Protein backbone atom coordinates (compact mmCIF):
# COMPACT_ATOMS: atom_id res chain seq x y z
CA MET A 1 3.20 -4.54 17.16
CA ALA A 2 1.82 -1.17 16.32
CA ILE A 3 0.54 1.31 18.91
CA ASN A 4 -2.18 2.15 16.37
CA LYS A 5 -3.31 1.56 12.80
CA ASN A 6 -1.54 4.51 11.61
CA HIS A 7 1.98 3.33 12.44
CA GLU A 8 2.36 -0.40 11.46
CA PHE A 9 5.61 -2.31 11.18
CA GLU A 10 6.48 -5.87 10.45
CA ASP A 11 9.14 -8.12 8.96
CA LEU A 12 9.37 -8.00 5.17
CA ASN A 13 11.87 -10.39 3.58
CA GLY A 14 13.42 -10.64 7.11
CA ILE A 15 13.93 -6.89 7.58
CA LYS A 16 11.96 -4.95 10.08
CA CYS A 17 9.96 -2.35 8.11
CA ALA A 18 7.45 0.43 8.72
CA ILE A 19 4.54 -0.40 6.40
CA VAL A 20 3.66 2.31 4.00
CA GLU A 21 0.84 0.61 2.19
CA LYS A 22 -0.63 -3.02 1.93
CA ASN A 23 -2.45 -4.57 -1.00
CA ALA A 24 -0.90 -2.14 -3.46
CA LYS A 25 -1.22 -2.77 -7.07
CA PRO A 26 1.99 -2.91 -9.25
CA GLU A 27 1.34 0.52 -10.72
CA ARG A 28 0.90 1.98 -7.19
CA VAL A 29 4.06 0.13 -6.00
CA ALA A 30 6.26 1.68 -8.75
CA PHE A 31 4.83 5.21 -7.94
CA LEU A 32 5.63 4.72 -4.25
CA LYS A 33 8.97 3.22 -4.75
CA GLU A 34 10.07 6.00 -6.96
CA LEU A 35 8.91 8.79 -4.60
CA LEU A 36 10.25 7.08 -1.44
CA GLU A 37 13.68 6.32 -2.79
CA TYR A 38 13.96 9.83 -4.12
CA ASN A 39 13.39 10.96 -0.51
CA ARG A 40 16.21 8.63 0.52
CA TYR A 41 14.18 5.86 2.13
CA THR A 42 15.18 2.19 1.56
CA VAL A 43 12.06 0.47 0.14
CA VAL A 44 11.21 -3.25 0.66
CA ILE A 45 8.45 -4.78 -1.41
CA THR A 46 6.88 -8.22 -0.86
CA ALA A 47 3.85 -9.93 -2.36
CA SER A 48 0.76 -9.66 -0.14
CA PRO A 49 -0.63 -13.01 0.97
CA ALA A 50 -3.56 -14.19 -1.08
CA PRO A 51 -6.88 -13.66 0.66
CA LYS A 52 -8.54 -16.60 2.07
CA THR A 53 -11.37 -17.99 -0.09
CA PRO A 54 -13.82 -20.74 0.89
CA ALA A 55 -13.22 -24.09 -0.88
CA ALA A 56 -15.42 -24.70 -3.85
CA ALA A 57 -18.29 -26.98 -3.16
CA VAL A 58 -18.37 -30.27 -5.06
CA PRO A 59 -21.43 -30.47 -7.23
CA LYS A 60 -23.89 -33.38 -6.52
CA GLU A 61 -25.09 -35.67 -9.17
CA GLY A 62 -27.34 -33.76 -11.69
CA GLU A 63 -26.28 -30.35 -10.51
CA ALA A 64 -24.31 -27.90 -12.55
CA ALA A 65 -20.73 -27.17 -11.58
CA VAL A 66 -20.18 -23.82 -9.92
CA PRO A 67 -17.71 -21.67 -11.65
CA VAL A 68 -14.49 -21.03 -9.77
CA PRO A 69 -13.93 -17.34 -9.40
CA ALA A 70 -10.88 -15.73 -10.93
CA PRO A 71 -7.88 -15.30 -8.51
CA PRO A 72 -7.59 -11.77 -7.35
CA PRO A 73 -4.98 -9.57 -8.91
CA GLU A 74 -1.54 -9.77 -7.48
CA THR A 75 -0.91 -7.30 -4.80
CA PHE A 76 2.10 -6.17 -2.79
CA THR A 77 3.14 -4.73 0.71
CA VAL A 78 5.38 -1.71 0.51
CA GLY A 79 7.50 -0.92 3.51
CA VAL A 80 10.52 1.24 4.39
CA THR A 81 13.44 0.15 6.61
CA ASP A 82 13.07 3.45 8.74
CA VAL A 83 10.69 2.10 11.31
CA THR A 84 9.93 5.72 12.48
CA PHE A 85 8.46 6.47 9.11
CA ASN A 86 4.62 7.13 9.20
CA PRO A 87 2.98 7.97 5.99
CA THR A 88 0.34 10.29 7.63
CA ASN A 89 2.98 12.39 9.41
CA ALA A 90 5.33 12.45 6.45
CA ILE A 91 2.46 13.78 4.16
CA PHE A 92 0.90 16.35 6.59
CA GLY A 93 4.17 17.24 8.00
CA ARG A 94 5.38 18.08 4.65
CA LEU A 95 8.35 16.00 4.82
CA LEU A 96 8.39 14.30 1.34
CA LYS A 97 9.40 16.12 -1.76
CA THR A 98 8.63 15.35 -5.49
CA LYS A 99 11.44 15.39 -8.13
CA ASP A 100 10.54 18.92 -9.09
CA ALA A 101 11.17 20.12 -5.47
CA HIS A 102 7.48 20.46 -4.49
CA VAL A 103 6.08 19.22 -1.31
CA VAL A 104 4.04 16.06 -1.59
CA THR A 105 0.29 16.78 -1.02
CA LEU A 106 -2.44 14.32 -0.06
CA ALA A 107 -3.86 14.48 -3.60
CA TYR A 108 -0.46 13.77 -5.07
CA TRP A 109 0.28 10.99 -2.70
CA GLN A 110 -3.24 9.35 -3.49
CA GLN A 111 -2.37 9.95 -7.25
CA LYS A 112 -5.43 12.06 -7.80
CA ASP A 113 -3.15 14.87 -9.06
CA LYS A 114 -0.21 14.44 -11.39
CA VAL A 115 1.60 17.47 -10.10
CA SER A 116 1.91 18.42 -6.44
CA HIS A 117 0.33 21.89 -5.78
CA ASP A 118 1.95 23.00 -2.64
CA GLU A 119 1.36 26.69 -2.76
CA VAL A 120 -1.47 26.66 -0.12
CA PRO A 121 -0.59 25.26 3.30
CA TYR A 122 -2.97 22.75 4.86
CA PHE A 123 -3.77 25.02 7.76
CA GLU A 124 -5.19 27.90 5.75
């Protein structure tokens, strides 16, 4: 059990893992897997459980059938086997590097920037 929401861990595929991100789309999973494996973490990915949806009501005689909503897109939970890993500490502690040897910034982690601009430290 995690001490707080910023440092979660659980069993993924029978392996105790620190949770990097939950409900990630396949594109996000590919980005995180590549980045974390480059930084020498062992990445474990599992399908996120489907959200609970209420059962569809059976229409009464003379009523139109209610359309069933489309299933949500498939999402995944991404974890690393190093249970001391914390994404917040890794980003702001400047512990992660990109393939071109730049420090991973928050904007790069959130995929807002294609290139990590690490010239200006966070504290300035």
